[in-house]
């Protein structure tokens, strides 16, 4: 579970929603979870000591492309895509 990468490209409200999970993950595992965040919304993580943001430079709606890039960059990690909307994206649990 410590090799987890979360993709949350959405707006600031989406980022705020996952912060409690990130905090709990950090406290439980002693490591900062990596969170892929769209560049437009990355500023929310300034000063958040328990998250390691990975900035996605593409549009926030390109969650399919962001997931493919994340899996390529971090092949050993479990990837959790929190998206519920995106271009050519079909929501799945």
Protein backbone atom coordinates (compact mmCIF):
# COMPACT_ATOMS: atom_id res chain seq x y z
CA UNK A 1 0.00 0.00 0.00
CA UNK A 2 2.95 2.37 0.48
CA UNK A 3 3.66 2.24 -3.26
CA UNK A 4 0.48 4.12 -4.12
CA UNK A 5 0.04 6.96 -6.60
CA UNK A 6 -3.23 8.91 -6.59
CA UNK A 7 -4.43 10.78 -9.67
CA UNK A 8 -6.68 13.70 -8.79
CA UNK A 9 -6.64 16.25 -11.58
CA UNK A 10 -9.84 18.10 -10.68
CA UNK A 11 -10.40 21.53 -9.23
CA UNK A 12 -9.56 22.71 -5.74
CA UNK A 13 -12.62 21.10 -4.18
CA UNK A 14 -11.51 17.71 -5.50
CA UNK A 15 -8.05 18.31 -4.03
CA UNK A 16 -9.51 19.27 -0.64
CA UNK A 17 -11.59 16.11 -0.54
CA UNK A 18 -8.56 13.81 -0.75
CA UNK A 19 -6.41 15.70 1.77
CA UNK A 20 -7.77 13.82 4.84
CA UNK A 21 -7.00 10.50 3.12
CA UNK A 22 -3.51 11.74 2.25
CA UNK A 23 -2.94 12.79 5.87
CA UNK A 24 -4.10 9.44 7.19
CA UNK A 25 -1.96 7.59 4.61
CA UNK A 26 1.10 9.57 5.70
CA UNK A 27 0.49 8.96 9.39
CA UNK A 28 -0.17 5.25 8.90
CA UNK A 29 2.67 4.49 6.49
CA UNK A 30 5.24 7.14 7.33
CA UNK A 31 5.61 8.13 3.67
CA UNK A 32 4.12 10.96 1.66
CA UNK A 33 1.59 9.77 -0.91
CA UNK A 34 2.29 10.95 -4.44
CA UNK A 35 -0.67 12.85 -5.91
CA UNK A 36 -0.84 13.65 -9.62
CA UNK A 37 -2.47 17.07 -9.84
CA UNK A 38 -3.18 19.34 -12.81
CA UNK A 39 -0.85 22.32 -12.99
CA UNK A 40 -3.79 24.74 -12.59
CA UNK A 41 -4.53 23.35 -9.12
CA UNK A 42 -1.07 22.34 -7.87
CA UNK A 43 -0.71 25.46 -5.72
CA UNK A 44 -3.01 23.95 -3.11
CA UNK A 45 -0.17 21.63 -2.10
CA UNK A 46 2.21 24.47 -1.24
CA UNK A 47 2.78 24.06 2.45
CA UNK A 48 1.13 20.61 2.67
CA UNK A 49 3.92 18.66 4.29
CA UNK A 50 2.34 15.21 4.00
CA UNK A 51 1.86 15.05 0.20
CA UNK A 52 4.35 14.79 -2.66
CA UNK A 53 2.58 16.42 -5.62
CA UNK A 54 3.39 15.28 -9.15
CA UNK A 55 2.33 18.08 -11.50
CA UNK A 56 0.46 17.11 -14.66
CA UNK A 57 1.11 19.76 -17.30
CA UNK A 58 -1.78 18.71 -19.53
CA UNK A 59 -5.43 19.75 -19.18
CA UNK A 60 -7.22 18.49 -16.07
CA UNK A 61 -9.77 16.69 -18.29
CA UNK A 62 -7.07 14.41 -19.77
CA UNK A 63 -7.18 11.90 -16.94
CA UNK A 64 -6.72 8.95 -19.34
CA UNK A 65 -3.48 10.43 -20.66
CA UNK A 66 -2.37 11.42 -17.17
CA UNK A 67 -2.95 7.87 -15.93
CA UNK A 68 -0.97 6.39 -18.82
CA UNK A 69 1.91 8.79 -18.12
CA UNK A 70 1.80 8.03 -14.39
CA UNK A 71 1.88 4.28 -14.99
CA UNK A 72 4.85 4.78 -17.31
CA UNK A 73 6.76 7.02 -14.87
CA UNK A 74 5.94 4.95 -11.77
CA UNK A 75 5.47 1.36 -13.02
CA UNK A 76 5.88 -0.29 -9.62
CA UNK A 77 3.17 1.76 -7.93
CA UNK A 78 -0.49 1.00 -7.49
CA UNK A 79 -2.39 3.75 -9.33
CA UNK A 80 -5.69 5.07 -8.01
CA UNK A 81 -7.47 7.37 -10.46
CA UNK A 82 -9.99 9.50 -8.55
CA UNK A 83 -11.49 11.00 -11.70
CA UNK A 84 -15.23 10.90 -12.24
CA UNK A 85 -15.08 12.94 -15.44
CA UNK A 86 -12.62 13.28 -18.29
CA UNK A 87 -12.17 13.25 -22.05
CA UNK A 88 -12.74 9.69 -23.34
CA UNK A 89 -12.82 8.46 -19.73
CA UNK A 90 -15.31 5.91 -18.48
CA UNK A 91 -15.73 6.08 -14.72
CA UNK A 92 -14.95 2.83 -12.88
CA UNK A 93 -14.51 1.88 -9.26
